[in-house]
Structures are given as C-alpha cells and as structure tokens.
C-alpha cells in the first residue's frame, strides 16, 4: 500500500505556536504534491485575540476576516505549493470536520499548545474533538517551542512508532504506519504496552499459555507483533517489535523520547484485547507530551478509500 495525500487541510489559530504546524503542512504538501487548504475558524466571542475592541458585529467580522486572510497569505509567502485560504465563522472542530468532509480532505493537521484559552488549537478543545469526529486521519503536531525555528523543508521520518493493541483501531494505525515506513524505507517500531490485569482471558484462550500469566505472555505477544509485517514488506522497511509495561501514555512517550521517534501512529481507541489501552485519553495524553507529530486514525475510512493502493 502506497499512501497518497491529494488534499491536506491545516487548521491554524494564527498563533505563533501553531505556525509550526503550518510549516509542517507545507513540507507534507511538497512531499506528496498535495493541494493545501489553510483553514482558520473565527470565534467571534474572542475578539480580543484579534486585537479587537467593542465595535459593531458586522464591522468586527469583516475586520477579523481581513486579518485572517492577510495572516495566512503572509505565512505562506512566495511558495509554489498549490494552496487555498479557507476562513469560516463558527465552532472550530465542527467547522473543520465539515470542511474536511465536503472538500474530500485526506489529512487534517493541527497543532497542540498544551495550555488553556482560545489560542490553543488543542487537545480537549479542538484537537480532542477532531479525533472523535473526523472521517480522515489527524496529524497532531507538537508544541513548536520544542523544535528549531525556520522552514521545515522535507517530511521523511526514518523512525516511526505504531502503538499496537491488536484492536481494529490499532490495526488501521498499523496499515498507515506500514505504508509510510515503506514509502520512506524507515524503521517501524511496533510497540505494545502490557497492562497485566487485562490479559487473563487472552492467556486462557491461548494454547501456549501456562498456569502463570507472566511466563506465557511475552512469547505470545512478541509472536503476534512479528506476524504483523509480511516478508515482502520487510524489503522496504525495518520492523522492530517492542514490549513495554506500565501506563500506556507514559511508556509510549518515554520510548518515543529515548529512541528519537520522528512520527507516532495511534488508533483513537481500542476495543478488543485491551479496552483501555488506546482510548481517546491515551492518544490525548501522548499528544500533549510527544516529542514528534502523532498521526491519529480511526476506522471511519479505510486506507484504500482515503489513499491509493499499489
């Protein structure tokens, strides 16, 4: 499977921190030769964000729209990327989801600020909501303060982490992760976090399980992870299987930091083997602390529907 992103939507709140997501979206658009929609949703209840005082509602709306278009044009500069400004008024996550569906967007990009207030196009307010309603993957870009300033010219992650809990959600995350790993001939780290109380039924149903949970657990899980990557796919990427133990969001984040991951791919929630492993709150928590972008996927649209397979 080869992933093609024909149309990308970058959601920005026009803050300095979300500018990093803009630069990242430009790099992706160049890499995949995508059309880029630069989207800003105006919240008229937060006029102070735009430097507005108390003026008539219509004048306020017109001035904010002009400001937003001018700011987006300045951000994009003299780029050769095919792009279009999209400025709407309303509730950010719902408007973004509607635009993404109507325009046939393959990927939405938004930044995390990990702070309160309107200026965070973020988890819990916008990004958290988007993870639950988007019909396409969401790329969550971390706080730009952690990264050097300047243009991000390329997107070619060489170390990709996929969170695997063997649910339909994480299987879809694996499909996207594998596709990207083959595209860029990357290391593909398949990481499963063990939460011991959740495995009793799983071990009982396995022929290789022993009386004690622990001795039979690791071989079963390691084999399951190894079987996820076909022999043919191994020609184009380097898979690594990893078992961790503890709180999923903490272990995944620590592993990503220590091993310098450049992209994480996670399902929004898991329902089969470990119901609490990749619920929204786990992806939410990881995204707040992650050292790299996170591709959040859910089984609304299969990779073949949102991408071209070859």
C-alpha atoms as a PDB file:
ATOM      1  CA  UNK A   1       0.000   0.000   0.000  1.00  0.00           C
ATOM      2  CA  UNK A   2       1.341   3.369  -1.043  1.00  0.00           C
ATOM      3  CA  UNK A   3      -0.195   6.354   0.697  1.00  0.00           C
ATOM      4  CA  UNK A   4      -1.077   9.403  -1.395  1.00  0.00           C
ATOM      5  CA  UNK A   5      -2.312  12.584   0.249  1.00  0.00           C
ATOM      6  CA  UNK A   6      -4.047  14.508  -2.510  1.00  0.00           C
ATOM      7  CA  UNK A   7      -5.598  17.148  -0.282  1.00  0.00           C
ATOM      8  CA  UNK A   8      -4.364  18.344   3.130  1.00  0.00           C
ATOM      9  CA  UNK A   9      -6.121  20.738   5.498  1.00  0.00           C
ATOM     10  CA  UNK A  10      -4.013  22.650   8.003  1.00  0.00           C
ATOM     11  CA  UNK A  11      -6.039  24.175  10.855  1.00  0.00           C
ATOM     12  CA  UNK A  12      -4.371  27.179  12.445  1.00  0.00           C
ATOM     13  CA  UNK A  13      -5.480  29.579  15.171  1.00  0.00           C
ATOM     14  CA  UNK A  14      -2.981  32.178  13.836  1.00  0.00           C
ATOM     15  CA  UNK A  15      -0.882  31.970  16.995  1.00  0.00           C
ATOM     16  CA  UNK A  16       2.921  31.788  16.916  1.00  0.00           C
ATOM     17  CA  UNK A  17       2.895  28.259  18.292  1.00  0.00           C
ATOM     18  CA  UNK A  18       0.576  26.934  15.612  1.00  0.00           C
ATOM     19  CA  UNK A  19       2.836  28.398  12.918  1.00  0.00           C
ATOM     20  CA  UNK A  20       4.974  25.287  13.356  1.00  0.00           C
ATOM     21  CA  UNK A  21       2.044  23.167  12.140  1.00  0.00           C
ATOM     22  CA  UNK A  22       1.800  25.436   9.105  1.00  0.00           C
ATOM     23  CA  UNK A  23       5.443  24.845   8.210  1.00  0.00           C
ATOM     24  CA  UNK A  24       4.972  21.120   8.730  1.00  0.00           C
ATOM     25  CA  UNK A  25       1.905  21.071   6.479  1.00  0.00           C
ATOM     26  CA  UNK A  26       3.893  22.826   3.754  1.00  0.00           C
ATOM     27  CA  UNK A  27       6.586  20.153   3.969  1.00  0.00           C
ATOM     28  CA  UNK A  28       3.967  17.415   3.641  1.00  0.00           C
ATOM     29  CA  UNK A  29       2.309  19.151   0.708  1.00  0.00           C
ATOM     30  CA  UNK A  30       5.659  19.330  -1.079  1.00  0.00           C
ATOM     31  CA  UNK A  31       6.467  15.684  -0.358  1.00  0.00           C
ATOM     32  CA  UNK A  32       3.132  14.336  -1.583  1.00  0.00           C
ATOM     33  CA  UNK A  33       2.429  17.050  -4.192  1.00  0.00           C
ATOM     34  CA  UNK A  34      -0.795  17.822  -2.331  1.00  0.00           C
ATOM     35  CA  UNK A  35      -3.268  20.653  -2.524  1.00  0.00           C
ATOM     36  CA  UNK A  36      -3.157  22.529   0.774  1.00  0.00           C
ATOM     37  CA  UNK A  37      -6.148  24.171   2.431  1.00  0.00           C
ATOM     38  CA  UNK A  38      -5.080  26.719   5.028  1.00  0.00           C
ATOM     39  CA  UNK A  39      -8.016  26.898   7.416  1.00  0.00           C
ATOM     40  CA  UNK A  40      -8.847  29.346  10.184  1.00  0.00           C
ATOM     41  CA  UNK A  41     -12.121  29.277  12.088  1.00  0.00           C
ATOM     42  CA  UNK A  42     -13.112  32.621  13.588  1.00  0.00           C
ATOM     43  CA  UNK A  43     -14.563  32.692  17.091  1.00  0.00           C
ATOM     44  CA  UNK A  44     -16.423  35.991  17.314  1.00  0.00           C
ATOM     45  CA  UNK A  45     -16.695  35.619  21.089  1.00  0.00           C
ATOM     46  CA  UNK A  46     -12.917  36.056  21.336  1.00  0.00           C
ATOM     47  CA  UNK A  47     -12.387  39.348  19.530  1.00  0.00           C
ATOM     48  CA  UNK A  48      -9.574  40.269  21.906  1.00  0.00           C
ATOM     49  CA  UNK A  49      -7.461  37.546  20.316  1.00  0.00           C
ATOM     50  CA  UNK A  50      -7.510  39.552  17.094  1.00  0.00           C
ATOM     51  CA  UNK A  51      -6.865  42.856  18.863  1.00  0.00           C
ATOM     52  CA  UNK A  52     -10.483  43.953  18.532  1.00  0.00           C
ATOM     53  CA  UNK A  53     -12.335  46.235  20.891  1.00  0.00           C
ATOM     54  CA  UNK A  54     -16.076  46.770  21.077  1.00  0.00           C
ATOM     55  CA  UNK A  55     -17.324  47.622  17.586  1.00  0.00           C
ATOM     56  CA  UNK A  56     -20.390  46.645  15.572  1.00  0.00           C
ATOM     57  CA  UNK A  57     -20.660  42.881  14.950  1.00  0.00           C
ATOM     58  CA  UNK A  58     -20.566  43.247  11.170  1.00  0.00           C
ATOM     59  CA  UNK A  59     -17.528  45.538  11.201  1.00  0.00           C
ATOM     60  CA  UNK A  60     -15.827  43.212  13.654  1.00  0.00           C
ATOM     61  CA  UNK A  61     -16.488  40.186  11.444  1.00  0.00           C
ATOM     62  CA  UNK A  62     -15.196  41.935   8.315  1.00  0.00           C
ATOM     63  CA  UNK A  63     -12.038  43.192  10.025  1.00  0.00           C
ATOM     64  CA  UNK A  64     -11.262  39.779  11.538  1.00  0.00           C
ATOM     65  CA  UNK A  65     -11.754  38.063   8.192  1.00  0.00           C
ATOM     66  CA  UNK A  66      -9.393  40.532   6.516  1.00  0.00           C
ATOM     67  CA  UNK A  67      -6.849  39.965   9.273  1.00  0.00           C
ATOM     68  CA  UNK A  68      -7.086  36.183   8.924  1.00  0.00           C
ATOM     69  CA  UNK A  69      -6.665  36.221   5.129  1.00  0.00           C
ATOM     70  CA  UNK A  70      -3.716  38.595   5.374  1.00  0.00           C
ATOM     71  CA  UNK A  71      -2.039  36.494   8.064  1.00  0.00           C
ATOM     72  CA  UNK A  72      -2.466  33.263   6.077  1.00  0.00           C
ATOM     73  CA  UNK A  73      -1.042  34.925   2.964  1.00  0.00           C
ATOM     74  CA  UNK A  74       1.957  36.150   4.939  1.00  0.00           C
ATOM     75  CA  UNK A  75       2.537  32.683   6.409  1.00  0.00           C
ATOM     76  CA  UNK A  76       2.560  31.009   3.006  1.00  0.00           C
ATOM     77  CA  UNK A  77       4.860  33.598   1.435  1.00  0.00           C
ATOM     78  CA  UNK A  78       6.094  33.039  -2.113  1.00  0.00           C
ATOM     79  CA  UNK A  79       5.512  29.298  -2.087  1.00  0.00           C
ATOM     80  CA  UNK A  80       4.996  27.200  -5.205  1.00  0.00           C
ATOM     81  CA  UNK A  81       2.581  24.929  -3.315  1.00  0.00           C
ATOM     82  CA  UNK A  82      -0.996  24.865  -4.594  1.00  0.00           C
ATOM     83  CA  UNK A  83      -2.891  26.310  -1.652  1.00  0.00           C
ATOM     84  CA  UNK A  84      -6.164  27.982  -0.788  1.00  0.00           C
ATOM     85  CA  UNK A  85      -7.176  30.052   2.248  1.00  0.00           C
ATOM     86  CA  UNK A  86     -10.364  28.914   3.984  1.00  0.00           C
ATOM     87  CA  UNK A  87     -11.759  31.266   6.624  1.00  0.00           C
ATOM     88  CA  UNK A  88     -15.062  30.442   8.313  1.00  0.00           C
ATOM     89  CA  UNK A  89     -17.006  31.577  11.355  1.00  0.00           C
ATOM     90  CA  UNK A  90     -18.262  29.094  13.926  1.00  0.00           C
ATOM     91  CA  UNK A  91     -17.261  26.306  16.292  1.00  0.00           C
ATOM     92  CA  UNK A  92     -13.772  25.242  15.228  1.00  0.00           C
ATOM     93  CA  UNK A  93     -13.880  21.411  15.409  1.00  0.00           C
ATOM     94  CA  UNK A  94     -17.315  21.089  13.811  1.00  0.00           C
ATOM     95  CA  UNK A  95     -16.485  23.542  11.029  1.00  0.00           C
ATOM     96  CA  UNK A  96     -13.139  21.849  10.337  1.00  0.00           C
ATOM     97  CA  UNK A  97     -14.769  18.401  10.182  1.00  0.00           C
ATOM     98  CA  UNK A  98     -17.464  19.689   7.819  1.00  0.00           C
ATOM     99  CA  UNK A  99     -14.924  21.334   5.517  1.00  0.00           C
ATOM    100  CA  UNK A 100     -12.758  18.186   5.524  1.00  0.00           C
ATOM    101  CA  UNK A 101     -15.726  16.017   4.523  1.00  0.00           C
ATOM    102  CA  UNK A 102     -17.119  18.376   1.891  1.00  0.00           C
ATOM    103  CA  UNK A 103     -13.732  19.010   0.281  1.00  0.00           C
ATOM    104  CA  UNK A 104     -12.579  15.370   0.321  1.00  0.00           C
ATOM    105  CA  UNK A 105      -9.591  16.024   2.575  1.00  0.00           C
ATOM    106  CA  UNK A 106      -7.192  13.097   3.117  1.00  0.00           C
ATOM    107  CA  UNK A 107      -5.409  14.515   6.165  1.00  0.00           C
ATOM    108  CA  UNK A 108      -6.067  17.254   8.718  1.00  0.00           C
ATOM    109  CA  UNK A 109      -3.134  18.834  10.559  1.00  0.00           C
ATOM    110  CA  UNK A 110      -3.458  20.737  13.819  1.00  0.00           C
ATOM    111  CA  UNK A 111      -1.062  21.950  16.484  1.00  0.00           C
ATOM    112  CA  UNK A 112      -1.027  21.283  20.217  1.00  0.00           C
ATOM    113  CA  UNK A 113      -0.263  24.092  22.614  1.00  0.00           C
ATOM    114  CA  UNK A 114      -0.967  22.270  25.906  1.00  0.00           C
ATOM    115  CA  UNK A 115      -2.348  25.382  27.503  1.00  0.00           C
ATOM    116  CA  UNK A 116      -5.755  26.911  28.234  1.00  0.00           C
ATOM    117  CA  UNK A 117      -7.576  29.577  26.320  1.00  0.00           C
ATOM    118  CA  UNK A 118      -8.780  30.251  22.799  1.00  0.00           C
ATOM    119  CA  UNK A 119      -5.262  30.418  21.383  1.00  0.00           C
ATOM    120  CA  UNK A 120      -4.774  26.716  21.795  1.00  0.00           C
ATOM    121  CA  UNK A 121      -5.950  24.826  18.746  1.00  0.00           C
ATOM    122  CA  UNK A 122      -5.593  21.903  21.039  1.00  0.00           C
ATOM    123  CA  UNK A 123      -6.468  18.702  22.752  1.00  0.00           C
ATOM    124  CA  UNK A 124      -9.541  18.865  24.900  1.00  0.00           C
ATOM    125  CA  UNK A 125     -10.983  21.835  22.988  1.00  0.00           C
ATOM    126  CA  UNK A 126     -10.363  21.360  19.275  1.00  0.00           C
ATOM    127  CA  UNK A 127      -7.939  18.504  18.617  1.00  0.00           C
ATOM    128  CA  UNK A 128      -9.588  16.199  21.132  1.00  0.00           C
ATOM    129  CA  UNK A 129     -12.938  16.801  19.473  1.00  0.00           C
ATOM    130  CA  UNK A 130     -11.464  16.345  15.995  1.00  0.00           C
ATOM    131  CA  UNK A 131     -10.057  12.946  16.965  1.00  0.00           C
ATOM    132  CA  UNK A 132     -13.608  11.807  17.630  1.00  0.00           C
ATOM    133  CA  UNK A 133     -15.443  13.248  14.617  1.00  0.00           C
ATOM    134  CA  UNK A 134     -13.053  13.408  11.649  1.00  0.00           C
ATOM    135  CA  UNK A 135     -13.550  10.877   8.870  1.00  0.00           C
ATOM    136  CA  UNK A 136      -9.894  11.126   7.870  1.00  0.00           C
ATOM    137  CA  UNK A 137      -6.605  10.857   9.807  1.00  0.00           C
ATOM    138  CA  UNK A 138      -5.470  13.730  12.006  1.00  0.00           C
ATOM    139  CA  UNK A 139      -1.798  14.689  12.266  1.00  0.00           C
ATOM    140  CA  UNK A 140      -1.203  16.299  15.659  1.00  0.00           C
ATOM    141  CA  UNK A 141       1.900  18.477  15.617  1.00  0.00           C
ATOM    142  CA  UNK A 142       3.607  19.125  18.962  1.00  0.00           C
ATOM    143  CA  UNK A 143       4.413  22.446  20.521  1.00  0.00           C
ATOM    144  CA  UNK A 144       6.718  24.324  18.146  1.00  0.00           C
ATOM    145  CA  UNK A 145       8.823  25.565  21.069  1.00  0.00           C
ATOM    146  CA  UNK A 146      10.475  22.146  21.190  1.00  0.00           C
ATOM    147  CA  UNK A 147      11.802  22.481  17.663  1.00  0.00           C
ATOM    148  CA  UNK A 148      14.170  24.835  15.887  1.00  0.00           C
ATOM    149  CA  UNK A 149      12.780  27.838  14.089  1.00  0.00           C
ATOM    150  CA  UNK A 150      12.765  28.145  10.346  1.00  0.00           C
ATOM    151  CA  UNK A 151      11.234  26.302   7.459  1.00  0.00           C
ATOM    152  CA  UNK A 152      10.704  22.540   7.581  1.00  0.00           C
ATOM    153  CA  UNK A 153      11.688  21.608   4.061  1.00  0.00           C
ATOM    154  CA  UNK A 154      11.113  17.864   3.982  1.00  0.00           C
ATOM    155  CA  UNK A 155       8.945  15.169   5.502  1.00  0.00           C
ATOM    156  CA  UNK A 156      10.762  11.845   5.561  1.00  0.00           C
ATOM    157  CA  UNK A 157      10.501  10.177   9.003  1.00  0.00           C
ATOM    158  CA  UNK A 158      13.129   7.486   9.449  1.00  0.00           C
ATOM    159  CA  UNK A 159      11.831   6.171  12.791  1.00  0.00           C
ATOM    160  CA  UNK A 160       8.081   5.532  13.038  1.00  0.00           C
ATOM    161  CA  UNK A 161       6.334   4.198  16.142  1.00  0.00           C
ATOM    162  CA  UNK A 162       2.978   2.423  15.906  1.00  0.00           C
ATOM    163  CA  UNK A 163       1.001   1.746  19.066  1.00  0.00           C
ATOM    164  CA  UNK A 164      -0.361  -1.810  18.781  1.00  0.00           C
ATOM    165  CA  UNK A 165      -3.111  -3.223  20.991  1.00  0.00           C
ATOM    166  CA  UNK A 166      -4.432  -5.677  18.336  1.00  0.00           C
ATOM    167  CA  UNK A 167      -7.782  -3.904  18.034  1.00  0.00           C
ATOM    168  CA  UNK A 168      -9.380  -2.805  14.756  1.00  0.00           C
ATOM    169  CA  UNK A 169      -8.350   0.739  15.569  1.00  0.00           C
ATOM    170  CA  UNK A 170      -4.687  -0.064  16.050  1.00  0.00           C
ATOM    171  CA  UNK A 171      -4.766  -2.377  13.017  1.00  0.00           C
ATOM    172  CA  UNK A 172      -5.723   0.645  10.934  1.00  0.00           C
ATOM    173  CA  UNK A 173      -2.934   2.639  12.594  1.00  0.00           C
ATOM    174  CA  UNK A 174      -0.565  -0.178  11.647  1.00  0.00           C
ATOM    175  CA  UNK A 175      -1.715  -0.020   7.999  1.00  0.00           C
ATOM    176  CA  UNK A 176      -0.904   3.670   7.825  1.00  0.00           C
ATOM    177  CA  UNK A 177       2.367   3.253   9.724  1.00  0.00           C
ATOM    178  CA  UNK A 178       3.490   0.398   7.490  1.00  0.00           C
ATOM    179  CA  UNK A 179       2.577   2.345   4.351  1.00  0.00           C
ATOM    180  CA  UNK A 180       4.621   5.336   5.472  1.00  0.00           C
ATOM    181  CA  UNK A 181       7.528   3.167   6.636  1.00  0.00           C
ATOM    182  CA  UNK A 182       7.721   1.527   3.206  1.00  0.00           C
ATOM    183  CA  UNK A 183       7.385   4.899   1.478  1.00  0.00           C
ATOM    184  CA  UNK A 184      10.406   6.266   3.340  1.00  0.00           C
ATOM    185  CA  UNK A 185      12.197   2.949   3.982  1.00  0.00           C
ATOM    186  CA  UNK A 186      12.061   3.650   7.699  1.00  0.00           C
ATOM    187  CA  UNK A 187      12.446   1.773  10.934  1.00  0.00           C
ATOM    188  CA  UNK A 188       8.976   0.664  12.023  1.00  0.00           C
ATOM    189  CA  UNK A 189       8.715   0.266  15.793  1.00  0.00           C
ATOM    190  CA  UNK A 190       5.682  -1.839  16.731  1.00  0.00           C
ATOM    191  CA  UNK A 191       5.134  -1.099  20.405  1.00  0.00           C
ATOM    192  CA  UNK A 192       2.726  -2.870  22.732  1.00  0.00           C
ATOM    193  CA  UNK A 193       2.248  -1.781  26.340  1.00  0.00           C
ATOM    194  CA  UNK A 194       1.431  -4.548  28.811  1.00  0.00           C
ATOM    195  CA  UNK A 195      -1.176  -3.897  31.470  1.00  0.00           C
ATOM    196  CA  UNK A 196      -1.181  -7.275  33.296  1.00  0.00           C
ATOM    197  CA  UNK A 197      -4.765  -7.370  34.649  1.00  0.00           C
ATOM    198  CA  UNK A 198      -6.164  -7.111  31.133  1.00  0.00           C
ATOM    199  CA  UNK A 199      -4.633 -10.353  29.831  1.00  0.00           C
ATOM    200  CA  UNK A 200      -6.228 -13.128  31.892  1.00  0.00           C
ATOM    201  CA  UNK A 201      -8.817 -14.147  29.296  1.00  0.00           C
ATOM    202  CA  UNK A 202      -6.336 -13.734  26.461  1.00  0.00           C
ATOM    203  CA  UNK A 203      -3.854 -16.108  28.072  1.00  0.00           C
ATOM    204  CA  UNK A 204      -6.503 -18.681  28.959  1.00  0.00           C
ATOM    205  CA  UNK A 205      -7.581 -18.860  25.315  1.00  0.00           C
ATOM    206  CA  UNK A 206      -4.025 -19.384  24.077  1.00  0.00           C
ATOM    207  CA  UNK A 207      -2.716 -22.932  23.714  1.00  0.00           C
ATOM    208  CA  UNK A 208       0.769 -21.746  24.601  1.00  0.00           C
ATOM    209  CA  UNK A 209      -0.318 -20.124  27.844  1.00  0.00           C
ATOM    210  CA  UNK A 210       0.935 -21.609  31.078  1.00  0.00           C
ATOM    211  CA  UNK A 211      -0.598 -21.632  34.564  1.00  0.00           C
ATOM    212  CA  UNK A 212       1.178 -18.423  35.461  1.00  0.00           C
ATOM    213  CA  UNK A 213       0.266 -15.343  33.431  1.00  0.00           C
ATOM    214  CA  UNK A 214       3.772 -13.928  33.144  1.00  0.00           C
ATOM    215  CA  UNK A 215       5.810 -16.806  31.639  1.00  0.00           C
ATOM    216  CA  UNK A 216       3.466 -17.253  28.665  1.00  0.00           C
ATOM    217  CA  UNK A 217       2.660 -13.644  27.996  1.00  0.00           C
ATOM    218  CA  UNK A 218       5.780 -12.247  26.335  1.00  0.00           C
ATOM    219  CA  UNK A 219       6.267 -15.005  23.712  1.00  0.00           C
ATOM    220  CA  UNK A 220       2.612 -14.764  22.696  1.00  0.00           C
ATOM    221  CA  UNK A 221       2.733 -11.006  22.237  1.00  0.00           C
ATOM    222  CA  UNK A 222       6.130 -10.995  20.530  1.00  0.00           C
ATOM    223  CA  UNK A 223       4.921 -13.571  18.007  1.00  0.00           C
ATOM    224  CA  UNK A 224       1.763 -11.565  17.387  1.00  0.00           C
ATOM    225  CA  UNK A 225       3.772  -8.418  16.680  1.00  0.00           C
ATOM    226  CA  UNK A 226       6.261 -10.251  14.427  1.00  0.00           C
ATOM    227  CA  UNK A 227       3.437 -11.692  12.319  1.00  0.00           C
ATOM    228  CA  UNK A 228       2.046  -8.251  11.562  1.00  0.00           C
ATOM    229  CA  UNK A 229       4.757  -7.447   8.976  1.00  0.00           C
ATOM    230  CA  UNK A 230       4.886  -9.678   5.905  1.00  0.00           C
ATOM    231  CA  UNK A 231       8.146 -10.942   4.427  1.00  0.00           C
ATOM    232  CA  UNK A 232       7.590  -8.791   1.325  1.00  0.00           C
ATOM    233  CA  UNK A 233       7.067  -5.617   3.384  1.00  0.00           C
ATOM    234  CA  UNK A 234      10.369  -6.225   5.177  1.00  0.00           C
ATOM    235  CA  UNK A 235      12.229  -5.466   1.931  1.00  0.00           C
ATOM    236  CA  UNK A 236      11.058  -1.847   2.194  1.00  0.00           C
ATOM    237  CA  UNK A 237      11.226  -1.137   5.929  1.00  0.00           C
ATOM    238  CA  UNK A 238      12.963  -2.358   9.077  1.00  0.00           C
ATOM    239  CA  UNK A 239      10.436  -3.617  11.661  1.00  0.00           C
ATOM    240  CA  UNK A 240      11.267  -3.706  15.367  1.00  0.00           C
ATOM    241  CA  UNK A 241       8.945  -5.267  17.943  1.00  0.00           C
ATOM    242  CA  UNK A 242       8.869  -3.791  21.429  1.00  0.00           C
ATOM    243  CA  UNK A 243       7.059  -4.821  24.621  1.00  0.00           C
ATOM    244  CA  UNK A 244       6.730  -2.317  27.437  1.00  0.00           C
ATOM    245  CA  UNK A 245       4.893  -2.466  30.748  1.00  0.00           C
ATOM    246  CA  UNK A 246       3.077   0.250  32.662  1.00  0.00           C
ATOM    247  CA  UNK A 247       0.774   3.149  31.865  1.00  0.00           C
ATOM    248  CA  UNK A 248       0.439   3.287  28.052  1.00  0.00           C
ATOM    249  CA  UNK A 249       0.713   7.050  27.617  1.00  0.00           C
ATOM    250  CA  UNK A 250       3.762   7.256  29.875  1.00  0.00           C
ATOM    251  CA  UNK A 251       5.593   4.304  28.334  1.00  0.00           C
ATOM    252  CA  UNK A 252       4.883   5.305  24.742  1.00  0.00           C
ATOM    253  CA  UNK A 253       6.026   8.856  25.372  1.00  0.00           C
ATOM    254  CA  UNK A 254       9.221   7.781  27.129  1.00  0.00           C
ATOM    255  CA  UNK A 255      10.040   5.311  24.374  1.00  0.00           C
ATOM    256  CA  UNK A 256       9.487   7.972  21.712  1.00  0.00           C
ATOM    257  CA  UNK A 257      11.783  10.400  23.517  1.00  0.00           C
ATOM    258  CA  UNK A 258      14.595   7.935  24.255  1.00  0.00           C
ATOM    259  CA  UNK A 259      14.565   6.423  20.773  1.00  0.00           C
ATOM    260  CA  UNK A 260      14.102   9.741  18.958  1.00  0.00           C
ATOM    261  CA  UNK A 261      10.950   8.802  17.077  1.00  0.00           C
ATOM    262  CA  UNK A 262      10.064  11.127  14.224  1.00  0.00           C
ATOM    263  CA  UNK A 263       6.432  10.062  13.879  1.00  0.00           C
ATOM    264  CA  UNK A 264       3.945   8.166  16.045  1.00  0.00           C
ATOM    265  CA  UNK A 265       0.813   6.481  14.662  1.00  0.00           C
ATOM    266  CA  UNK A 266      -2.016   5.614  17.046  1.00  0.00           C
ATOM    267  CA  UNK A 267      -5.622   4.465  16.918  1.00  0.00           C
ATOM    268  CA  UNK A 268      -8.070   6.741  18.683  1.00  0.00           C
ATOM    269  CA  UNK A 269      -9.457   3.952  20.829  1.00  0.00           C
ATOM    270  CA  UNK A 270      -9.134   0.204  21.261  1.00  0.00           C
ATOM    271  CA  UNK A 271     -11.946  -2.233  21.876  1.00  0.00           C
ATOM    272  CA  UNK A 272     -10.685  -5.775  21.695  1.00  0.00           C
ATOM    273  CA  UNK A 273      -7.696  -7.054  23.641  1.00  0.00           C
ATOM    274  CA  UNK A 274      -7.156  -4.097  25.962  1.00  0.00           C
ATOM    275  CA  UNK A 275     -10.184  -1.845  26.047  1.00  0.00           C
ATOM    276  CA  UNK A 276      -8.405   0.934  27.892  1.00  0.00           C
ATOM    277  CA  UNK A 277      -5.106   0.919  26.011  1.00  0.00           C
ATOM    278  CA  UNK A 278      -5.789   3.335  23.175  1.00  0.00           C
ATOM    279  CA  UNK A 279      -8.874   5.212  24.237  1.00  0.00           C
ATOM    280  CA  UNK A 280      -9.006   8.841  23.293  1.00  0.00           C
ATOM    281  CA  UNK A 281      -7.494   9.874  26.603  1.00  0.00           C
ATOM    282  CA  UNK A 282      -4.349   7.828  25.904  1.00  0.00           C
ATOM    283  CA  UNK A 283      -3.781   9.385  22.496  1.00  0.00           C
ATOM    284  CA  UNK A 284      -4.744  12.714  24.028  1.00  0.00           C
ATOM    285  CA  UNK A 285      -2.163  12.396  26.801  1.00  0.00           C
ATOM    286  CA  UNK A 286       0.572  11.172  24.496  1.00  0.00           C
ATOM    287  CA  UNK A 287      -0.042  14.057  22.107  1.00  0.00           C
ATOM    288  CA  UNK A 288       0.349  16.585  24.909  1.00  0.00           C
ATOM    289  CA  UNK A 289       3.849  15.302  25.691  1.00  0.00           C
ATOM    290  CA  UNK A 290       5.057  13.714  22.463  1.00  0.00           C
ATOM    291  CA  UNK A 291       8.430  14.790  21.035  1.00  0.00           C
ATOM    292  CA  UNK A 292       7.192  14.294  17.467  1.00  0.00           C
ATOM    293  CA  UNK A 293       3.984  14.507  15.419  1.00  0.00           C
ATOM    294  CA  UNK A 294       1.259  11.916  16.032  1.00  0.00           C
ATOM    295  CA  UNK A 295      -0.932  10.514  13.268  1.00  0.00           C
ATOM    296  CA  UNK A 296      -4.276   9.717  14.881  1.00  0.00           C
ATOM    297  CA  UNK A 297      -6.567   7.373  12.924  1.00  0.00           C
ATOM    298  CA  UNK A 298      -9.952   5.798  13.478  1.00  0.00           C
ATOM    299  CA  UNK A 299     -11.861   3.276  11.310  1.00  0.00           C
ATOM    300  CA  UNK A 300     -14.213   5.671   9.550  1.00  0.00           C
ATOM    301  CA  UNK A 301     -12.350   5.446   6.275  1.00  0.00           C
ATOM    302  CA  UNK A 302     -10.027   2.648   5.226  1.00  0.00           C
ATOM    303  CA  UNK A 303      -6.603   3.453   3.729  1.00  0.00           C
ATOM    304  CA  UNK A 304      -7.842   2.289   0.321  1.00  0.00           C
ATOM    305  CA  UNK A 305     -10.697   4.809   0.460  1.00  0.00           C
ATOM    306  CA  UNK A 306      -8.522   7.738   1.519  1.00  0.00           C
ATOM    307  CA  UNK A 307      -5.388   6.688  -0.332  1.00  0.00           C
ATOM    308  CA  UNK A 308      -4.297   4.950  -3.495  1.00  0.00           C
ATOM    309  CA  UNK A 309      -3.061   1.392  -3.144  1.00  0.00           C
ATOM    310  CA  UNK A 310      -0.396  -0.102  -5.345  1.00  0.00           C
END
